[in-house]
């Protein structure tokens, strides 16, 4: 391709040769596409996906004089150099679970790490309990210092341990078999009236607070316990029980994990029934309870941001 007279481009083999200025213009257009505004948008998107909760890294040091003045329970934690946090062995997303890389993750995992760091010790996760009730027993018997694991504060459990102020309030709910609901003849959007007056079968998860809740809320129902939420859901789909009774978050998680079955199910959130999630401490450790309540009070905004990041709130 050859330049024509006067520096003008000329046609060669049916094509026009473009001067250097045109090439520079193309380059400018490419740079515009990668302008700071585009980069800024990408950074904004990345920031939105960043966890706003940063676990405290600088541990508070305790002098020998301070250690000697601590009550026995707090002193034992510092002498051990770690806070033992009880969690059930079975995962409960998004609170505590193994991620794709096999690492322990979740909102309560990060929260427990921050509690330990602000106390001035390391964290040790004790995941040997087969149920939430067993987690409570571990704290009551001294096998763990606290339980921070989506633990419901209930009256029966409060006879064994002390509970902090709740750091999360969930609503209770029902995941119903639509066919079973139709057989009840319920024309109302609220199936509770029928369920409370019927000897229907309702599924709960063994070792959770919902075993005792169910007996109070559904006095005529036959309560059937299942080892895991998924097994309870399978029983609902097979028609073996009319509903699963659990907290709203776990019921929504079941629907998310089983999208193909959602057409056969109906989720009912019980706005007048709450599930208070709190930290359990040993029954004789008033100092640890006071410290835990103060931690929750002074860090509530950070905790809320953590729960929001994990889609709990």
Protein backbone atom coordinates (compact mmCIF):
# COMPACT_ATOMS: atom_id res chain seq x y z
CA UNK A 1 0.00 0.00 0.00
CA UNK A 2 1.45 3.40 -1.13
CA UNK A 3 0.66 6.97 -0.09
CA UNK A 4 -0.83 9.17 -2.86
CA UNK A 5 0.05 12.71 -3.81
CA UNK A 6 -0.27 15.38 -1.18
CA UNK A 7 -0.08 12.84 1.62
CA UNK A 8 -3.60 11.62 0.92
CA UNK A 9 -4.30 7.89 1.20
CA UNK A 10 -4.88 6.09 -2.07
CA UNK A 11 -6.72 2.89 -2.91
CA UNK A 12 -4.56 -0.20 -3.38
CA UNK A 13 -6.26 -3.46 -4.40
CA UNK A 14 -9.63 -2.00 -3.52
CA UNK A 15 -8.55 -0.91 0.01
CA UNK A 16 -7.66 2.48 1.39
CA UNK A 17 -4.47 2.90 3.35
CA UNK A 18 -5.07 4.81 6.61
CA UNK A 19 -2.45 7.21 7.83
CA UNK A 20 -0.82 7.06 11.23
CA UNK A 21 -3.34 9.51 12.64
CA UNK A 22 -6.13 6.99 12.19
CA UNK A 23 -4.14 4.36 14.04
CA UNK A 24 -3.59 6.78 16.90
CA UNK A 25 -7.31 7.51 16.98
CA UNK A 26 -8.08 3.79 17.33
CA UNK A 27 -5.61 3.56 20.16
CA UNK A 28 -7.27 6.49 21.88
CA UNK A 29 -10.65 4.78 21.64
CA UNK A 30 -9.23 1.64 23.26
CA UNK A 31 -7.75 3.70 26.09
CA UNK A 32 -11.10 5.42 26.59
CA UNK A 33 -12.77 2.04 27.05
CA UNK A 34 -10.29 1.38 29.86
CA UNK A 35 -10.76 4.83 31.39
CA UNK A 36 -10.56 5.52 35.14
CA UNK A 37 -14.37 5.53 35.38
CA UNK A 38 -14.48 1.92 34.14
CA UNK A 39 -11.72 0.92 36.52
CA UNK A 40 -13.52 2.74 39.30
CA UNK A 41 -16.69 0.77 38.61
CA UNK A 42 -14.74 -2.48 38.77
CA UNK A 43 -13.19 -1.46 42.09
CA UNK A 44 -16.60 -0.52 43.45
CA UNK A 45 -17.95 -3.94 42.53
CA UNK A 46 -14.99 -5.60 44.21
CA UNK A 47 -15.47 -3.50 47.34
CA UNK A 48 -19.12 -4.52 47.55
CA UNK A 49 -18.02 -8.15 47.72
CA UNK A 50 -15.40 -7.49 50.41
CA UNK A 51 -16.20 -8.60 53.93
CA UNK A 52 -16.47 -5.39 56.02
CA UNK A 53 -15.80 -7.28 59.25
CA UNK A 54 -12.07 -7.39 59.97
CA UNK A 55 -11.04 -9.74 62.76
CA UNK A 56 -8.93 -7.99 65.36
CA UNK A 57 -5.29 -8.95 64.82
CA UNK A 58 -3.60 -7.09 67.68
CA UNK A 59 -4.17 -9.19 70.79
CA UNK A 60 -4.50 -7.37 74.07
CA UNK A 61 -1.58 -8.26 76.33
CA UNK A 62 -2.19 -9.05 80.01
CA UNK A 63 0.47 -8.41 82.62
CA UNK A 64 1.25 -10.84 85.44
CA UNK A 65 -0.32 -8.44 87.92
CA UNK A 66 -3.51 -8.25 85.86
CA UNK A 67 -3.57 -12.02 85.47
CA UNK A 68 -3.34 -12.55 89.22
CA UNK A 69 -6.29 -10.21 89.77
CA UNK A 70 -8.59 -11.98 87.31
CA UNK A 71 -11.44 -14.22 88.51
CA UNK A 72 -10.69 -17.98 88.23
CA UNK A 73 -12.57 -18.55 84.97
CA UNK A 74 -10.98 -15.68 83.07
CA UNK A 75 -7.56 -16.47 84.53
CA UNK A 76 -7.81 -20.08 83.34
CA UNK A 77 -8.51 -18.91 79.78
CA UNK A 78 -5.47 -16.62 79.79
CA UNK A 79 -3.20 -19.23 81.35
CA UNK A 80 -4.29 -21.70 78.67
CA UNK A 81 -3.72 -19.03 76.02
CA UNK A 82 -6.83 -19.91 74.05
CA UNK A 83 -10.60 -19.59 74.13
CA UNK A 84 -12.34 -22.93 73.51
CA UNK A 85 -15.45 -22.32 71.42
CA UNK A 86 -17.98 -25.15 71.09
CA UNK A 87 -19.69 -25.74 67.74
CA UNK A 88 -21.59 -28.80 66.47
CA UNK A 89 -19.69 -31.12 64.16
CA UNK A 90 -22.33 -30.79 61.42
CA UNK A 91 -22.10 -27.65 59.27
CA UNK A 92 -24.76 -24.94 59.47
CA UNK A 93 -24.31 -22.46 56.65
CA UNK A 94 -23.69 -19.56 56.79
CA UNK A 95 -22.70 -19.66 60.47
CA UNK A 96 -20.03 -22.39 60.50
CA UNK A 97 -19.03 -24.75 57.70
CA UNK A 98 -16.12 -26.08 55.66
CA UNK A 99 -15.62 -24.11 52.45
CA UNK A 100 -14.53 -25.56 49.10
CA UNK A 101 -10.92 -25.48 50.26
CA UNK A 102 -11.70 -27.38 53.46
CA UNK A 103 -11.23 -24.31 55.66
CA UNK A 104 -13.58 -23.53 58.53
CA UNK A 105 -15.63 -20.48 57.56
CA UNK A 106 -18.79 -18.63 58.49
CA UNK A 107 -20.11 -15.66 60.44
CA UNK A 108 -19.83 -17.32 63.86
CA UNK A 109 -16.34 -18.59 63.06
CA UNK A 110 -15.14 -15.04 62.38
CA UNK A 111 -17.05 -13.66 65.35
CA UNK A 112 -15.48 -16.21 67.71
CA UNK A 113 -12.00 -15.37 66.40
CA UNK A 114 -12.61 -11.69 67.09
CA UNK A 115 -13.92 -12.41 70.60
CA UNK A 116 -10.75 -14.36 71.42
CA UNK A 117 -8.48 -11.69 69.93
CA UNK A 118 -10.11 -8.89 71.91
CA UNK A 119 -9.82 -11.03 75.03
CA UNK A 120 -6.12 -11.45 74.29
CA UNK A 121 -5.90 -15.16 73.47
CA UNK A 122 -6.06 -17.55 70.50
CA UNK A 123 -9.23 -19.35 69.47
CA UNK A 124 -9.81 -23.11 69.43
CA UNK A 125 -12.93 -24.49 67.78
CA UNK A 126 -14.29 -27.55 69.55
CA UNK A 127 -16.41 -29.41 66.98
CA UNK A 128 -17.05 -32.76 68.62
CA UNK A 129 -20.70 -32.27 69.62
CA UNK A 130 -23.31 -34.17 67.62
CA UNK A 131 -26.08 -31.67 68.44
CA UNK A 132 -26.75 -28.19 69.79
CA UNK A 133 -27.90 -29.69 73.09
CA UNK A 134 -24.54 -31.42 73.40
CA UNK A 135 -22.80 -28.09 72.75
CA UNK A 136 -24.62 -26.71 75.80
CA UNK A 137 -23.49 -29.71 77.86
CA UNK A 138 -19.88 -29.11 76.82
CA UNK A 139 -20.01 -25.57 78.19
CA UNK A 140 -21.81 -26.66 81.36
CA UNK A 141 -19.23 -29.39 82.04
CA UNK A 142 -16.16 -27.22 81.36
CA UNK A 143 -15.14 -28.90 78.09
CA UNK A 144 -15.54 -25.53 76.35
CA UNK A 145 -15.35 -21.95 77.56
CA UNK A 146 -18.23 -20.65 75.46
CA UNK A 147 -20.62 -21.81 72.76
CA UNK A 148 -20.88 -19.39 69.85
CA UNK A 149 -22.60 -21.43 67.18
CA UNK A 150 -26.06 -20.22 66.16
CA UNK A 151 -27.22 -21.37 69.57
CA UNK A 152 -30.82 -20.70 70.59
CA UNK A 153 -31.29 -19.36 74.11
CA UNK A 154 -34.07 -21.44 75.66
CA UNK A 155 -35.45 -21.86 79.18
CA UNK A 156 -34.40 -25.54 79.49
CA UNK A 157 -30.84 -24.72 78.38
CA UNK A 158 -30.70 -21.73 80.73
CA UNK A 159 -30.95 -24.18 83.63
CA UNK A 160 -27.51 -25.51 82.62
CA UNK A 161 -25.64 -22.44 81.33
CA UNK A 162 -25.94 -18.67 81.29
CA UNK A 163 -26.75 -16.85 78.06
CA UNK A 164 -25.49 -13.51 76.82
CA UNK A 165 -27.77 -10.92 75.35
CA UNK A 166 -28.85 -12.09 71.88
CA UNK A 167 -26.70 -10.91 68.97
CA UNK A 168 -29.23 -12.12 66.40
CA UNK A 169 -33.00 -12.59 66.38
CA UNK A 170 -34.50 -14.99 63.86
CA UNK A 171 -38.13 -15.85 63.21
CA UNK A 172 -39.40 -19.39 63.47
CA UNK A 173 -40.95 -20.95 60.41
CA UNK A 174 -42.59 -23.93 58.74
CA UNK A 175 -41.76 -25.59 55.45
CA UNK A 176 -45.01 -27.29 54.47
CA UNK A 177 -45.99 -29.96 52.00
CA UNK A 178 -48.54 -28.18 49.77
CA UNK A 179 -50.62 -31.32 49.31
CA UNK A 180 -50.79 -31.96 53.05
CA UNK A 181 -51.80 -28.35 53.58
CA UNK A 182 -54.59 -28.70 51.02
CA UNK A 183 -55.85 -31.81 52.81
CA UNK A 184 -56.24 -29.72 55.95
CA UNK A 185 -58.74 -27.64 54.01
CA UNK A 186 -56.96 -24.43 54.96
CA UNK A 187 -58.20 -21.49 52.92
CA UNK A 188 -56.22 -19.12 55.10
CA UNK A 189 -52.74 -17.84 54.35
CA UNK A 190 -51.84 -18.73 57.95
CA UNK A 191 -51.87 -22.52 58.50
CA UNK A 192 -51.07 -22.23 62.21
CA UNK A 193 -54.67 -22.45 63.40
CA UNK A 194 -55.13 -25.81 61.67
CA UNK A 195 -51.78 -27.22 62.71
CA UNK A 196 -52.36 -26.38 66.37
CA UNK A 197 -55.68 -28.18 66.38
CA UNK A 198 -54.65 -31.29 64.43
CA UNK A 199 -52.72 -34.44 65.33
CA UNK A 200 -50.62 -33.98 62.21
CA UNK A 201 -46.97 -35.08 62.00
CA UNK A 202 -44.41 -32.27 62.20
CA UNK A 203 -40.68 -32.77 61.67
CA UNK A 204 -37.94 -31.17 63.79
CA UNK A 205 -34.17 -31.54 63.93
CA UNK A 206 -32.97 -33.71 66.83
CA UNK A 207 -30.90 -31.94 69.46
CA UNK A 208 -32.17 -28.46 68.56
CA UNK A 209 -34.32 -26.06 70.54
CA UNK A 210 -37.21 -26.81 68.18
CA UNK A 211 -37.84 -30.17 69.82
CA UNK A 212 -39.06 -28.42 72.98
CA UNK A 213 -40.60 -25.50 71.07
CA UNK A 214 -42.75 -27.90 69.03
CA UNK A 215 -44.30 -29.52 72.08
CA UNK A 216 -45.43 -26.13 73.33
CA UNK A 217 -46.61 -24.69 70.03
CA UNK A 218 -48.25 -27.80 68.57
CA UNK A 219 -49.64 -29.70 71.58
CA UNK A 220 -51.75 -32.10 69.51
CA UNK A 221 -49.18 -32.81 66.81
CA UNK A 222 -46.96 -35.88 66.59
CA UNK A 223 -43.40 -34.58 66.66
CA UNK A 224 -40.93 -36.57 64.55
CA UNK A 225 -37.18 -35.96 65.00
CA UNK A 226 -34.67 -36.16 62.14
CA UNK A 227 -30.85 -36.17 62.30
CA UNK A 228 -30.38 -33.44 59.68
CA UNK A 229 -32.44 -30.70 57.98
CA UNK A 230 -32.05 -32.42 54.60
CA UNK A 231 -33.49 -35.69 55.92
CA UNK A 232 -36.41 -33.76 57.38
CA UNK A 233 -37.02 -32.09 54.03
CA UNK A 234 -36.94 -35.43 52.23
CA UNK A 235 -39.59 -36.68 54.64
CA UNK A 236 -41.78 -33.67 53.86
CA UNK A 237 -41.47 -34.30 50.13
CA UNK A 238 -42.43 -37.96 50.63
CA UNK A 239 -45.44 -36.91 52.70
CA UNK A 240 -44.19 -38.64 55.86
CA UNK A 241 -44.57 -35.37 57.77
CA UNK A 242 -46.69 -32.37 56.87
CA UNK A 243 -44.06 -29.76 57.70
CA UNK A 244 -40.59 -29.00 59.03
CA UNK A 245 -40.48 -26.66 62.01
CA UNK A 246 -37.20 -24.70 62.15
CA UNK A 247 -35.80 -21.18 61.93
CA UNK A 248 -36.49 -19.11 58.82
CA UNK A 249 -32.86 -18.96 57.74
CA UNK A 250 -32.29 -22.71 57.66
CA UNK A 251 -35.61 -23.29 55.89
CA UNK A 252 -34.66 -20.76 53.22
CA UNK A 253 -31.27 -22.47 52.90
CA UNK A 254 -33.05 -25.79 52.28
CA UNK A 255 -35.08 -24.24 49.47
CA UNK A 256 -31.92 -22.72 47.97
CA UNK A 257 -30.11 -26.07 48.12
CA UNK A 258 -33.08 -27.93 46.56
CA UNK A 259 -34.52 -25.57 43.91
CA UNK A 260 -36.22 -28.35 41.98
CA UNK A 261 -38.43 -29.25 44.94
CA UNK A 262 -39.67 -25.76 45.80
CA UNK A 263 -42.86 -26.16 43.76
CA UNK A 264 -44.07 -28.84 46.18
CA UNK A 265 -43.35 -26.77 49.28
CA UNK A 266 -44.68 -23.66 50.96
CA UNK A 267 -42.62 -21.54 53.36
CA UNK A 268 -44.48 -19.91 56.23
CA UNK A 269 -42.64 -17.42 58.46
CA UNK A 270 -44.09 -17.07 61.95
CA UNK A 271 -43.75 -13.37 62.68
CA UNK A 272 -44.93 -13.75 66.28
CA UNK A 273 -42.40 -16.48 67.17
CA UNK A 274 -38.74 -15.55 67.54
CA UNK A 275 -35.54 -17.53 67.97
CA UNK A 276 -32.98 -15.66 70.10
CA UNK A 277 -29.39 -16.52 69.16
CA UNK A 278 -26.91 -15.92 71.97
CA UNK A 279 -23.58 -17.02 73.45
CA UNK A 280 -23.56 -19.65 76.20
CA UNK A 281 -21.09 -19.35 79.08
CA UNK A 282 -20.52 -21.61 82.13
CA UNK A 283 -23.18 -21.32 84.86
CA UNK A 284 -20.73 -20.05 87.49
CA UNK A 285 -18.77 -17.51 85.43
CA UNK A 286 -20.51 -14.17 85.93
CA UNK A 287 -17.37 -12.27 84.91
CA UNK A 288 -17.18 -13.98 81.52
CA UNK A 289 -20.88 -13.30 80.98
CA UNK A 290 -20.43 -9.60 81.79
CA UNK A 291 -17.42 -9.40 79.47
CA UNK A 292 -19.32 -11.14 76.67
CA UNK A 293 -22.30 -8.80 76.98
CA UNK A 294 -20.02 -5.77 76.90
CA UNK A 295 -18.26 -7.13 73.81
CA UNK A 296 -21.59 -7.59 72.02
CA UNK A 297 -22.80 -4.14 73.03
CA UNK A 298 -19.67 -2.30 71.90
CA UNK A 299 -19.27 -4.29 68.67
CA UNK A 300 -22.90 -4.62 67.57
CA UNK A 301 -22.47 -2.43 64.47
CA UNK A 302 -19.51 -4.56 63.33
CA UNK A 303 -21.44 -7.75 64.07
CA UNK A 304 -24.41 -6.50 62.04
CA UNK A 305 -22.13 -5.82 59.07
CA UNK A 306 -20.69 -9.34 59.39
CA UNK A 307 -24.14 -10.93 59.46
CA UNK A 308 -25.23 -8.84 56.49
CA UNK A 309 -22.17 -9.95 54.52
CA UNK A 310 -23.12 -13.58 55.14
CA UNK A 311 -26.75 -12.78 54.17
CA UNK A 312 -28.00 -13.52 57.67
CA UNK A 313 -29.59 -10.06 57.98
